[in-house]
Each structure stands twice: as C-alpha cells, then as structure tokens.
Amino acid sequence: MHILVPLLTFVLAATPAPTPTPTPTPSAAPLATICNKYCDARDPASSPGDREGASAGVGGRRISLHLDDGDAMGWAAITGGAAGDHVWLDRSFDAGRTWASGSKLGDTATPAGATGWRTLMYNADDWANRGVGLLRACGQPAGSGSIACTGWARPTWNAWDRRTAAATALMERYNLGTGLFDTTGWWNSANALTALIDNVRISGMGSYRYAIDTTYTKNLSAQGGSFRNDYLDDTGWWGLAWVDAYDLTGDSRYLTTARADADHMYAYWDGVCGGGVWWSTSRTYKNAIPNSLYVQLNAALHNRIPGDTAYLARARAGWSWFSGSGMINGSNLVNDGLTTSTCANNGQAVWSYNQGVPLAALAELHRATGDAALLTKARAMANASTANGALNPGGILRDPGEAAGGGGADGPTFKGVYARDLAVLNAALPDRPYTAYLQRQANSAYATDRTSADAYGLLWAGPFDQADAARQQSALDLMNAAP
C-alpha cells in the first residue's frame, strides 16, 4: 500500500535532476501508452525544460517530480540514496482520487554505484480521450517498506496562470459519462459549468468548450427536462448557465432552454406575501435565492430577445417585489427568506450568494432599462457586503459557520457566486470600486488555500482543508473575477 506524503507547498525554482547513464528503462508499463506531442517513455535528456513541481522525503532520500511545461510531460527522480532504491510516477485522471490507469509508471531502480536515478518521461494528460491528468513522484528506499509520494502536480499546459490552472483543476473533476462534475451536486454543476464558460471568455482558453455541449446533450432530458426540477433556484442556476453558453457560442438551443427554465419559474409566482416565486414546487417557503435568480434570468432573456416585453415585465415585477419584501434588512444585507405565516424577514443567515445574485440581477435589469437608481441600490448593497466584518473577518470573505466546516454540500459554491456577481456589478460601474476587494480575495486564496495541483479548499484565508468540485468552482469564479 502506498503511504502518501502530501505536499502543500509550492516550489518555484527548479532543482535539476541528475543525468545518469545509461538511460533507465521502465519495469512497469502503463495499461496503455499515451501519445500527445510525444509518446510515453521519452528520455528526459530530450527535455528542453525542467521545473520541479513537488518533492518529498523518505529514509534520507529526496523524491522529486520534474515537469516539462513545453512538452506537457513529467518524470520522477530520487537522490541522496543508494543502489536498489525504486522511483516511479503515478498518473491520475480524476484529480488524484485514483490512479489505477497510471500506477507505478516507469518504475526503475537505482543502479550499482549510483546515489540517484530517474524515470523516463510520461504525459500528464490524454488528449485523444479528453483525460485531464496529474502526476506525482513516488519512491522506496532499497530494503525498506516505506514509500513516500510527492503532492500531485501537472505541467502548465492549459494551466499557464492562476485562472487557467484553476479551470484545468476543475475539469479534472468533470465526468465525461454524466456531463456533470464528480464530488458535487446538480445545481453546483450548473455553477461549475458557468465558471468554465466564463473562463473561456476571460482567459481565451477554449480547450474545455466541449463540456458545454456534453453537459447539455447528456442532461437535457434529466429530471423535469430542459434543466427544470422541483427546486426553482436549481432551475434558475441552469437557466443562467445556458444564457452564458448562448453568449459564448451563439447556439440558439441554449437560449431556448433558458426560456423554458424562466417560464417554469414563472409558473410558481403567486400572490402569497404579495408576490414572488416559491423555493420549490411544494410552495412552502419564499426566500431570497430563487427570487433574485428570477430577476436576473428574466432581465437577461429580455436583453437577448429582440422585441421582448414579457420577460422584462417579469424582471421588473420580480425586483419590485424583492426590494419591498423585507428580505433586505436595515444593513442592506439579504437574509435567507420570509416566515410564511407572517411574510416577515425570518432573520436567518446572511449567506454570501444571497448578497451576490441581486448585484448581477440589478446590473442586468439596468442594462434592460437604463434606470440609474438600480445601480445606486446595487452599489449600496455591495458596499454593505464587502465591508461587513462578520462576512469578511480579517478582510477575507467567509460564510457563516464556514470555519467549523459549515454549509454542507451546498455551502462551498456560495462564495464563488458572490465573487462572480460582484465582478459583474464592478464591470458595470465606471469607477470599478470593487477591484481591490476581489484582488485581495484571490491573492489570499492563491497563497494560503491551494495545493501543488492547484486545487482549492473552503477557506480563502486558509488553511487548505479538502478538495471537491464545488470548492474548485468557487475558486475558479474568484480567479475569473479578480483582474
């Protein structure tokens, strides 16, 4: 059994590996040889570049993962040892959760008379099969039962800056079979796809555009069809994802689906508490998130459908009701919802995404109407949430209960939504008042909440806790948002 020694630090300067002769040969082959720019089992002496991506130690030996960013390959090295020491690579196509298809790649032993050795080079990715991969180096001293592995890392192919690296780390969690993201849920996957679409637009990296059509075609008939289901906020998230997809691709299928989603939400608008859509089709709770999404989605549709009046009327009515509902409290923060029996603000948690979505909704409605008062209100709400000490302890955004692992499976998505939508408002305001705030969040997460594989945890102020697709989506939204 492998004893994993994780590495959560980042090596910026390369430490060249020794160049032993003769060339090592692999004693354990992968299940299938991968050929990208070059095929697996390439001699590292042919590498034009060498960057150390991660390192670990065991029994006085140093194990290091070396990466060739130009060729998108890597190799493992062991130094400070003796004859018989083993070194190899593991390769994973699911963000380091498993590596059965790439276990002990290039396993080789240090020859007599040498104190160090290295494997041949192996590809990190499988381009032909859309496998987005990671590598790690592992070693075992001769005669020892102890094994150590570095942290997972990859070349900078499709990961040349913090935005593209975060996108690639999210795609390591994309399931080609389901068209969704492993380790997270249905509505979170809508946000993950939105973050990826935004990254294509912002970074110019189009490598993962295939996920848009894959997700659409594999899930169009799921649940209620056209990405509708019993939860109106879930429907709203998917509707906005397809608006985003339409903006990027111009494919009218996506706009048609977004319209079906908005129409589904409208079917659950009624006069209880004076208006608003329900949280679910069971009609038990009127709350902030489906209603702010309702305003944003309807305004977005109006802005993309020539001659529309119906969606604009819905967006106007939605904001009129939301702004007068009492969910926006006296501090210009949004509580979770209304007590159904009294239609009063229920005083529940001030979640970050409830602060963010109204900002994007108001920016979209302002685009539709030209009403400057909408941006004035949005600025007041953004000022409140960016300055609130409970939401921003030490200046870094944190949701209620997050430090104790609160928020469950849904919570990790919230802050990314906030950052994304604050950036939408920021772009709509000529003075760009929230640029410094967004940069502060991104710089903190990048420095304190990231692994060697560019996976992010829950706490943007650190320390890193664990990785999953929702955490990664939030980080990608943040990196997209920060100039």
Protein backbone atom coordinates (compact mmCIF):
# COMPACT_ATOMS: atom_id res chain seq x y z
CA MET A 1 0.00 0.00 0.00
CA HIS A 2 1.26 3.48 -0.82
CA ILE A 3 1.94 5.78 2.09
CA LEU A 4 1.07 9.19 0.73
CA VAL A 5 3.04 12.13 1.98
CA PRO A 6 1.11 15.18 0.74
CA LEU A 7 2.96 18.32 -0.23
CA LEU A 8 1.12 21.60 0.23
CA THR A 9 3.99 23.96 -0.53
CA PHE A 10 4.98 25.26 -3.92
CA VAL A 11 8.44 25.01 -5.42
CA LEU A 12 9.10 27.92 -7.74
CA ALA A 13 12.72 27.27 -8.65
CA ALA A 14 13.76 24.09 -10.41
CA THR A 15 16.36 21.78 -8.94
CA PRO A 16 17.89 19.93 -11.89
CA ALA A 17 17.78 16.16 -11.66
CA PRO A 18 20.96 14.17 -12.13
CA THR A 19 21.62 12.93 -15.65
CA PRO A 20 22.64 9.32 -15.09
CA THR A 21 23.78 6.92 -17.77
CA PRO A 22 22.72 4.56 -19.14
CA THR A 23 19.11 5.65 -19.79
CA PRO A 24 16.72 3.93 -17.35
CA THR A 25 14.11 1.62 -18.75
CA PRO A 26 10.65 1.17 -17.26
CA SER A 27 9.98 -2.08 -15.46
CA ALA A 28 6.24 -1.43 -15.07
CA ALA A 29 4.32 -0.24 -18.10
CA PRO A 30 1.02 1.73 -18.03
CA LEU A 31 -2.14 -0.02 -19.14
CA ALA A 32 -1.96 1.89 -22.43
CA THR A 33 0.73 4.10 -23.86
CA ILE A 34 -0.44 7.69 -24.25
CA CYS A 35 0.81 9.77 -27.13
CA ASN A 36 0.25 13.52 -27.21
CA LYS A 37 3.02 15.74 -28.55
CA TYR A 38 5.28 12.80 -27.71
CA CYS A 39 4.56 9.27 -26.54
CA ASP A 40 5.09 7.98 -23.01
CA ALA A 41 8.55 6.71 -22.02
CA ARG A 42 10.52 9.59 -23.55
CA ASP A 43 14.10 10.17 -22.38
CA PRO A 44 14.34 13.16 -20.02
CA ALA A 45 17.63 14.04 -21.69
CA SER A 46 15.47 15.16 -24.62
CA SER A 47 13.54 17.60 -22.45
CA PRO A 48 14.08 21.28 -23.25
CA GLY A 49 12.80 22.33 -19.83
CA ASP A 50 12.87 21.18 -16.24
CA ARG A 51 10.73 22.57 -13.45
CA GLU A 52 10.38 20.90 -10.09
CA GLY A 53 6.70 20.62 -9.28
CA ALA A 54 6.76 18.91 -5.89
CA SER A 55 9.07 16.99 -3.58
CA ALA A 56 9.00 14.64 -0.61
CA GLY A 57 11.45 12.74 1.55
CA VAL A 58 11.80 9.21 2.87
CA GLY A 59 14.71 7.42 4.54
CA GLY A 60 17.12 10.26 3.84
CA ARG A 61 16.23 10.25 0.14
CA ARG A 62 14.73 13.14 -1.76
CA ILE A 63 11.95 12.33 -4.21
CA SER A 64 11.08 14.98 -6.76
CA LEU A 65 8.57 15.42 -9.54
CA HIS A 66 10.05 17.13 -12.59
CA LEU A 67 7.83 18.77 -15.21
CA ASP A 68 8.47 19.80 -18.78
CA ASP A 69 5.93 22.53 -19.44
CA GLY A 70 6.63 22.74 -23.16
CA ASP A 71 6.14 19.03 -23.81
CA ALA A 72 3.44 18.58 -21.11
CA MET A 73 5.26 15.61 -19.59
CA GLY A 74 6.94 14.73 -16.31
CA TRP A 75 9.37 12.36 -14.69
CA ALA A 76 10.35 11.26 -11.19
CA ALA A 77 13.78 11.37 -9.59
CA ILE A 78 15.27 10.04 -6.36
CA THR A 79 18.54 11.42 -4.94
CA GLY A 80 20.68 11.00 -1.84
CA GLY A 81 20.23 7.24 -1.80
CA ALA A 82 21.83 4.00 -2.84
CA ALA A 83 21.64 1.14 -5.30
CA GLY A 84 18.27 -0.60 -5.36
CA ASP A 85 16.18 2.46 -4.48
CA HIS A 86 12.99 2.48 -6.55
CA VAL A 87 11.35 5.52 -8.10
CA TRP A 88 8.22 5.83 -10.29
CA LEU A 89 5.32 8.04 -11.33
CA ASP A 90 1.61 7.76 -10.63
CA ARG A 91 -0.87 9.36 -13.03
CA SER A 92 -4.48 10.24 -12.20
CA PHE A 93 -7.36 11.35 -14.39
CA ASP A 94 -9.77 12.16 -11.55
CA ALA A 95 -7.96 14.84 -9.56
CA GLY A 96 -5.80 12.39 -7.62
CA ARG A 97 -8.60 10.30 -6.20
CA THR A 98 -7.48 7.16 -8.07
CA TRP A 99 -4.59 6.23 -10.33
CA ALA A 100 -5.27 2.64 -11.39
CA SER A 101 -4.70 3.52 -15.06
CA GLY A 102 -1.32 5.02 -14.31
CA SER A 103 0.17 3.27 -11.27
CA LYS A 104 3.96 2.87 -10.99
CA LEU A 105 4.73 4.33 -14.41
CA GLY A 106 8.38 3.86 -15.31
CA ASP A 107 9.22 2.01 -12.09
CA THR A 108 13.01 1.73 -12.08
CA ALA A 109 15.81 1.04 -9.58
CA THR A 110 18.98 2.98 -8.87
CA PRO A 111 21.88 1.01 -10.41
CA ALA A 112 25.04 -0.10 -8.58
CA GLY A 113 27.44 2.70 -7.87
CA ALA A 114 24.84 5.47 -8.17
CA THR A 115 23.14 7.52 -5.45
CA GLY A 116 20.30 8.81 -7.59
CA TRP A 117 18.12 7.82 -10.51
CA ARG A 118 15.14 8.89 -12.54
CA THR A 119 12.30 7.50 -14.61
CA LEU A 120 11.52 8.16 -18.22
CA MET A 121 9.02 10.92 -19.10
CA TYR A 122 5.26 10.37 -19.19
CA ASN A 123 2.38 12.50 -20.35
CA ALA A 124 0.22 14.20 -17.74
CA ASP A 125 -2.87 14.29 -19.98
CA ASP A 126 -4.54 12.02 -22.51
CA TRP A 127 -5.56 14.47 -25.22
CA ALA A 128 -7.17 11.93 -27.52
CA ASN A 129 -9.59 10.83 -24.80
CA ARG A 130 -10.02 14.22 -23.06
CA GLY A 131 -8.26 12.93 -19.98
CA VAL A 132 -7.15 15.85 -17.80
CA GLY A 133 -4.41 14.49 -15.59
CA LEU A 134 -2.00 14.90 -12.73
CA LEU A 135 1.34 13.30 -11.92
CA ARG A 136 3.17 12.54 -8.69
CA ALA A 137 6.58 11.01 -7.99
CA CYS A 138 6.98 8.15 -5.55
CA GLY A 139 10.00 6.36 -4.15
CA GLN A 140 11.03 3.49 -1.89
CA PRO A 141 14.49 3.06 -0.37
CA ALA A 142 16.14 -0.27 -1.01
CA GLY A 143 15.20 -2.85 1.59
CA SER A 144 12.58 -0.59 3.17
CA GLY A 145 8.83 -0.98 3.41
CA SER A 146 8.37 2.79 3.49
CA ILE A 147 7.09 4.61 0.43
CA ALA A 148 6.71 8.36 0.00
CA CYS A 149 4.98 10.31 -2.75
CA THR A 150 5.02 13.98 -3.61
CA GLY A 151 1.88 16.01 -3.94
CA TRP A 152 0.08 15.86 -7.27
CA ALA A 153 1.04 18.45 -9.88
CA ARG A 154 0.98 19.00 -13.62
CA PRO A 155 2.74 20.97 -16.35
CA THR A 156 1.46 24.41 -17.23
CA TRP A 157 -0.23 23.10 -20.39
CA ASN A 158 -3.76 24.57 -20.14
CA ALA A 159 -2.61 25.96 -16.78
CA TRP A 160 -0.35 28.89 -17.59
CA ASP A 161 -1.75 31.28 -15.00
CA ARG A 162 -3.92 31.04 -11.91
CA ARG A 163 -7.18 31.34 -13.88
CA THR A 164 -6.41 28.61 -16.40
CA ALA A 165 -4.82 26.40 -13.73
CA ALA A 166 -7.99 26.64 -11.64
CA ALA A 167 -10.12 25.79 -14.70
CA THR A 168 -8.00 22.76 -15.52
CA ALA A 169 -8.16 21.57 -11.92
CA LEU A 170 -11.95 21.82 -12.12
CA MET A 171 -12.01 19.84 -15.35
CA GLU A 172 -10.09 17.06 -13.61
CA ARG A 173 -13.40 16.52 -11.81
CA TYR A 174 -15.58 16.58 -14.92
CA ASN A 175 -17.27 13.28 -15.70
CA LEU A 176 -17.48 12.74 -19.46
CA GLY A 177 -20.04 9.97 -18.92
CA THR A 178 -22.56 12.04 -16.97
CA GLY A 179 -21.72 15.50 -18.24
CA LEU A 180 -21.62 16.68 -14.60
CA PHE A 181 -18.90 17.23 -12.02
CA ASP A 182 -17.97 14.44 -9.66
CA THR A 183 -17.94 15.19 -5.91
CA THR A 184 -20.70 17.79 -6.11
CA GLY A 185 -24.41 18.13 -6.84
CA TRP A 186 -26.83 19.08 -9.60
CA TRP A 187 -27.12 22.82 -9.03
CA ASN A 188 -23.45 23.11 -8.12
CA SER A 189 -22.65 21.60 -11.53
CA ALA A 190 -24.61 24.43 -13.16
CA ASN A 191 -22.35 26.89 -11.40
CA ALA A 192 -19.25 24.90 -12.28
CA LEU A 193 -20.21 24.97 -15.96
CA THR A 194 -20.87 28.72 -15.70
CA ALA A 195 -17.42 29.25 -14.19
CA LEU A 196 -15.83 27.30 -17.05
CA ILE A 197 -17.76 29.23 -19.69
CA ASP A 198 -16.68 32.50 -18.08
CA ASN A 199 -13.09 31.26 -18.07
CA VAL A 200 -13.20 30.60 -21.81
CA ARG A 201 -14.32 34.17 -22.35
CA ILE A 202 -11.90 35.77 -19.89
CA SER A 203 -8.75 33.70 -20.41
CA GLY A 204 -9.17 32.84 -24.08
CA MET A 205 -8.51 29.15 -23.36
CA GLY A 206 -11.02 27.17 -25.40
CA SER A 207 -9.76 23.68 -24.55
CA TYR A 208 -12.81 22.77 -22.49
CA ARG A 209 -15.60 24.19 -24.65
CA TYR A 210 -16.65 20.60 -25.31
CA ALA A 211 -18.07 20.45 -21.78
CA ILE A 212 -20.90 22.80 -22.79
CA ASP A 213 -22.41 20.52 -25.41
CA THR A 214 -21.58 17.37 -23.43
CA THR A 215 -23.43 18.64 -20.37
CA TYR A 216 -26.35 19.86 -22.45
CA THR A 217 -26.91 16.74 -24.51
CA LYS A 218 -26.41 14.29 -21.65
CA ASN A 219 -28.76 16.10 -19.26
CA LEU A 220 -31.41 17.80 -21.39
CA SER A 221 -33.91 15.04 -20.60
CA ALA A 222 -32.94 14.66 -16.94
CA GLN A 223 -35.37 15.38 -14.09
CA GLY A 224 -38.13 17.65 -15.43
CA GLY A 225 -36.48 18.12 -18.82
CA SER A 226 -34.81 21.30 -20.11
CA PHE A 227 -32.96 21.50 -16.76
CA ARG A 228 -36.17 22.10 -14.80
CA ASN A 229 -36.90 20.41 -11.49
CA ASP A 230 -38.84 20.83 -8.27
CA TYR A 231 -36.48 23.46 -6.88
CA LEU A 232 -36.89 26.80 -8.55
CA ASP A 233 -33.43 28.03 -7.64
CA ASP A 234 -31.86 24.95 -9.28
CA THR A 235 -33.83 25.79 -12.41
CA GLY A 236 -32.63 29.39 -12.23
CA TRP A 237 -28.96 28.39 -11.95
CA TRP A 238 -29.22 26.19 -15.03
CA GLY A 239 -31.14 28.86 -16.93
CA LEU A 240 -28.34 31.35 -16.32
CA ALA A 241 -25.74 28.76 -17.31
CA TRP A 242 -27.47 28.38 -20.67
CA VAL A 243 -27.67 32.15 -21.13
CA ASP A 244 -23.91 32.19 -20.57
CA ALA A 245 -23.47 29.34 -23.05
CA TYR A 246 -25.58 31.20 -25.60
CA ASP A 247 -23.48 34.34 -25.19
CA LEU A 248 -20.30 32.36 -25.84
CA THR A 249 -21.48 30.14 -28.67
CA GLY A 250 -24.48 31.84 -30.28
CA ASP A 251 -26.25 28.46 -30.26
CA SER A 252 -29.99 29.16 -30.06
CA ARG A 253 -30.68 25.81 -28.34
CA TYR A 254 -29.24 27.23 -25.16
CA LEU A 255 -31.38 30.35 -25.21
CA THR A 256 -34.48 28.24 -25.88
CA THR A 257 -33.69 26.14 -22.81
CA ALA A 258 -33.08 29.23 -20.68
CA ARG A 259 -36.53 30.48 -21.72
CA ALA A 260 -38.10 27.16 -20.69
CA ASP A 261 -36.40 27.50 -17.30
CA ALA A 262 -37.65 31.04 -16.78
CA ASP A 263 -41.18 30.02 -17.78
CA HIS A 264 -41.06 27.13 -15.30
CA MET A 265 -40.11 29.55 -12.53
CA TYR A 266 -42.88 31.96 -13.53
CA ALA A 267 -45.45 29.18 -13.07
CA TYR A 268 -44.67 29.33 -9.33
CA TRP A 269 -45.19 33.07 -8.90
CA ASP A 270 -48.34 33.84 -6.92
CA GLY A 271 -49.84 36.39 -4.56
CA VAL A 272 -48.76 34.84 -1.26
CA CYS A 273 -46.80 37.51 0.63
CA GLY A 274 -47.66 39.90 -2.18
CA GLY A 275 -45.81 38.08 -4.94
CA GLY A 276 -42.56 36.26 -5.58
CA VAL A 277 -41.73 32.73 -6.69
CA TRP A 278 -41.59 29.83 -4.28
CA TRP A 279 -38.40 27.99 -3.38
CA SER A 280 -39.89 24.69 -4.55
CA THR A 281 -42.96 23.31 -6.24
CA SER A 282 -44.27 22.27 -2.81
CA ARG A 283 -44.92 26.00 -2.13
CA THR A 284 -43.71 26.04 1.47
CA TYR A 285 -41.09 28.82 1.51
CA LYS A 286 -40.49 32.14 -0.23
CA ASN A 287 -36.86 33.06 0.01
CA ALA A 288 -34.16 35.19 -1.48
CA ILE A 289 -32.20 32.99 -3.85
CA PRO A 290 -34.89 31.85 -6.31
CA ASN A 291 -36.29 35.35 -6.48
CA SER A 292 -33.01 37.13 -7.17
CA LEU A 293 -32.21 34.47 -9.79
CA TYR A 294 -35.69 35.06 -11.26
CA VAL A 295 -34.97 38.76 -11.72
CA GLN A 296 -31.54 38.11 -13.24
CA LEU A 297 -32.72 35.39 -15.62
CA ASN A 298 -35.74 37.29 -16.90
CA ALA A 299 -33.76 40.50 -17.39
CA ALA A 300 -31.03 38.54 -19.18
CA LEU A 301 -33.58 36.99 -21.54
CA HIS A 302 -35.09 40.37 -22.33
CA ASN A 303 -31.62 41.68 -23.19
CA ARG A 304 -31.13 38.83 -25.69
CA ILE A 305 -34.57 38.53 -27.29
CA PRO A 306 -35.36 41.33 -29.74
CA GLY A 307 -38.77 42.88 -29.18
CA ASP A 308 -39.40 41.16 -25.85
CA THR A 309 -41.78 42.71 -23.35
CA ALA A 310 -42.88 39.69 -21.30
CA TYR A 311 -39.56 38.83 -19.70
CA LEU A 312 -38.84 42.47 -18.94
CA ALA A 313 -42.23 42.80 -17.20
CA ARG A 314 -41.44 39.74 -15.10
CA ALA A 315 -38.00 41.08 -14.18
CA ARG A 316 -39.45 44.46 -13.18
CA ALA A 317 -42.17 42.84 -11.08
CA GLY A 318 -39.64 40.50 -9.53
CA TRP A 319 -37.36 43.30 -8.39
CA SER A 320 -40.27 45.45 -7.19
CA TRP A 321 -41.43 42.58 -5.01
CA PHE A 322 -37.95 41.59 -3.83
CA SER A 323 -36.95 45.13 -2.85
CA GLY A 324 -40.15 45.57 -0.87
CA SER A 325 -40.34 42.11 0.66
CA GLY A 326 -38.31 42.89 3.76
CA MET A 327 -35.59 40.33 2.95
CA ILE A 328 -33.14 43.21 2.50
CA ASN A 329 -32.53 44.19 6.09
CA GLY A 330 -31.70 47.57 7.58
CA SER A 331 -27.98 46.99 6.97
CA ASN A 332 -28.53 46.44 3.24
CA LEU A 333 -27.77 42.74 3.68
CA VAL A 334 -30.08 39.97 2.48
CA ASN A 335 -31.38 37.41 4.94
CA ASP A 336 -32.38 33.98 3.70
CA GLY A 337 -36.13 34.37 3.35
CA LEU A 338 -39.57 35.05 4.79
CA THR A 339 -41.57 33.39 7.51
CA THR A 340 -44.53 32.09 5.53
CA SER A 341 -47.14 32.69 8.22
CA THR A 342 -46.22 36.34 8.72
CA CYS A 343 -44.40 37.23 5.45
CA ALA A 344 -41.71 38.89 7.59
CA ASN A 345 -37.93 38.59 7.26
CA ASN A 346 -37.03 35.39 9.09
CA GLY A 347 -33.66 36.72 10.27
CA GLN A 348 -31.84 33.63 9.02
CA ALA A 349 -28.22 33.57 7.92
CA VAL A 350 -26.66 36.20 5.68
CA TRP A 351 -25.15 33.86 3.07
CA SER A 352 -22.67 35.31 0.61
CA TYR A 353 -24.53 34.15 -2.51
CA ASN A 354 -27.70 35.92 -1.32
CA GLN A 355 -25.66 39.13 -1.34
CA GLY A 356 -24.15 38.44 -4.75
CA VAL A 357 -27.01 37.42 -7.04
CA PRO A 358 -29.01 40.66 -6.54
CA LEU A 359 -25.95 42.60 -7.73
CA ALA A 360 -25.84 40.78 -11.06
CA ALA A 361 -29.65 40.94 -11.29
CA LEU A 362 -29.64 44.70 -10.85
CA ALA A 363 -26.82 45.13 -13.37
CA GLU A 364 -28.79 43.08 -15.91
CA LEU A 365 -32.01 44.98 -15.18
CA HIS A 366 -30.16 48.29 -15.51
CA ARG A 367 -28.91 47.17 -18.91
CA ALA A 368 -32.52 46.50 -19.86
CA THR A 369 -33.99 49.72 -18.55
CA GLY A 370 -31.25 52.31 -18.18
CA ASP A 371 -32.58 53.12 -14.70
CA ALA A 372 -29.61 54.55 -12.80
CA ALA A 373 -31.35 54.00 -9.46
CA LEU A 374 -30.83 50.26 -9.89
CA LEU A 375 -27.05 50.64 -9.93
CA THR A 376 -27.24 53.03 -6.99
CA LYS A 377 -29.05 50.37 -4.97
CA ALA A 378 -26.66 47.67 -6.13
CA ARG A 379 -23.67 49.77 -5.05
CA ALA A 380 -25.20 50.31 -1.62
CA MET A 381 -25.74 46.56 -1.21
CA ALA A 382 -22.23 45.73 -2.45
CA ASN A 383 -20.72 48.31 -0.11
CA ALA A 384 -22.56 46.66 2.77
CA SER A 385 -21.45 43.12 1.98
CA THR A 386 -17.83 43.92 1.16
CA ALA A 387 -17.42 45.94 4.35
CA ASN A 388 -19.33 43.68 6.74
CA GLY A 389 -16.97 42.33 9.39
CA ALA A 390 -18.92 39.15 10.05
CA LEU A 391 -18.84 38.23 6.36
CA ASN A 392 -15.23 39.35 5.94
CA PRO A 393 -13.21 38.53 9.07
CA GLY A 394 -9.73 39.89 8.53
CA GLY A 395 -10.88 41.22 5.16
CA ILE A 396 -11.42 37.78 3.59
CA LEU A 397 -14.88 36.52 2.68
CA ARG A 398 -16.23 33.68 4.81
CA ASP A 399 -19.75 32.31 5.06
CA PRO A 400 -21.47 31.69 8.42
CA GLY A 401 -20.18 28.54 10.09
CA GLU A 402 -17.53 28.00 7.44
CA ALA A 403 -14.59 27.93 9.84
CA ALA A 404 -16.24 24.94 11.52
CA GLY A 405 -16.93 23.24 8.19
CA GLY A 406 -20.47 24.61 7.97
CA GLY A 407 -22.51 24.94 4.80
CA GLY A 408 -22.71 21.24 3.99
CA ALA A 409 -22.52 20.16 0.37
CA ASP A 410 -24.10 23.39 -0.91
CA GLY A 411 -22.08 25.97 1.01
CA PRO A 412 -18.77 25.72 -0.86
CA THR A 413 -20.43 27.12 -4.01
CA PHE A 414 -21.73 30.28 -2.32
CA LYS A 415 -18.62 32.49 -2.26
CA GLY A 416 -17.79 31.83 -5.90
CA VAL A 417 -21.25 33.04 -6.88
CA TYR A 418 -20.68 36.16 -4.79
CA ALA A 419 -17.32 36.91 -6.43
CA ARG A 420 -18.70 36.29 -9.92
CA ASP A 421 -21.69 38.58 -9.42
CA LEU A 422 -19.74 41.30 -7.62
CA ALA A 423 -17.45 41.33 -10.67
CA VAL A 424 -20.50 41.79 -12.93
CA LEU A 425 -21.52 44.87 -10.96
CA ASN A 426 -17.93 46.10 -10.80
CA ALA A 427 -17.71 46.00 -14.59
CA ALA A 428 -20.95 47.98 -14.87
CA LEU A 429 -19.65 50.83 -12.68
CA PRO A 430 -17.23 53.30 -14.29
CA ASP A 431 -15.02 53.63 -11.20
CA ARG A 432 -14.61 49.83 -10.74
CA PRO A 433 -14.93 50.21 -6.94
CA TYR A 434 -14.58 46.52 -6.04
CA THR A 435 -11.43 45.64 -7.95
CA ALA A 436 -9.16 45.83 -4.90
CA TYR A 437 -11.58 43.73 -2.83
CA LEU A 438 -11.69 40.97 -5.46
CA GLN A 439 -7.92 41.01 -5.88
CA ARG A 440 -7.46 40.69 -2.12
CA GLN A 441 -9.69 37.61 -2.03
CA ALA A 442 -7.94 35.97 -4.97
CA ASN A 443 -4.45 36.70 -3.69
CA SER A 444 -5.30 35.23 -0.29
CA ALA A 445 -6.83 32.06 -1.71
CA TYR A 446 -3.92 31.57 -4.12
CA ALA A 447 -1.34 31.99 -1.38
CA THR A 448 -2.96 30.12 1.52
CA ASP A 449 -5.68 27.77 0.23
CA ARG A 450 -4.10 25.91 -2.70
CA THR A 451 -2.30 22.61 -3.23
CA SER A 452 0.50 21.76 -5.63
CA ALA A 453 -2.24 20.57 -8.02
CA ASP A 454 -3.96 24.00 -7.96
CA ALA A 455 -6.87 22.54 -6.01
CA TYR A 456 -8.54 24.95 -3.60
CA GLY A 457 -10.22 24.38 -0.27
CA LEU A 458 -13.10 26.04 1.54
CA LEU A 459 -11.31 28.80 3.44
CA TRP A 460 -9.92 31.56 1.25
CA ALA A 461 -7.93 32.78 4.23
CA GLY A 462 -6.51 29.26 4.61
CA PRO A 463 -5.62 26.71 5.63
CA PHE A 464 -6.50 24.23 2.89
CA ASP A 465 -8.97 21.62 4.13
CA GLN A 466 -10.01 19.37 1.25
CA ALA A 467 -10.77 19.48 -2.46
CA ASP A 468 -14.01 18.93 -4.34
CA ALA A 469 -15.70 20.35 -7.41
CA ALA A 470 -17.76 22.94 -5.51
CA ARG A 471 -14.70 24.33 -3.75
CA GLN A 472 -12.88 24.43 -7.07
CA GLN A 473 -15.79 26.12 -8.85
CA SER A 474 -15.80 28.84 -6.21
CA ALA A 475 -12.07 29.38 -6.63
CA LEU A 476 -12.39 29.49 -10.41
CA ASP A 477 -15.18 32.06 -10.13
CA LEU A 478 -12.90 34.09 -7.90
CA MET A 479 -9.90 33.85 -10.21
CA ASN A 480 -12.11 34.82 -13.15
CA ALA A 481 -13.41 37.80 -11.18
CA ALA A 482 -10.09 39.22 -9.99
CA PRO A 483 -8.28 41.31 -12.65
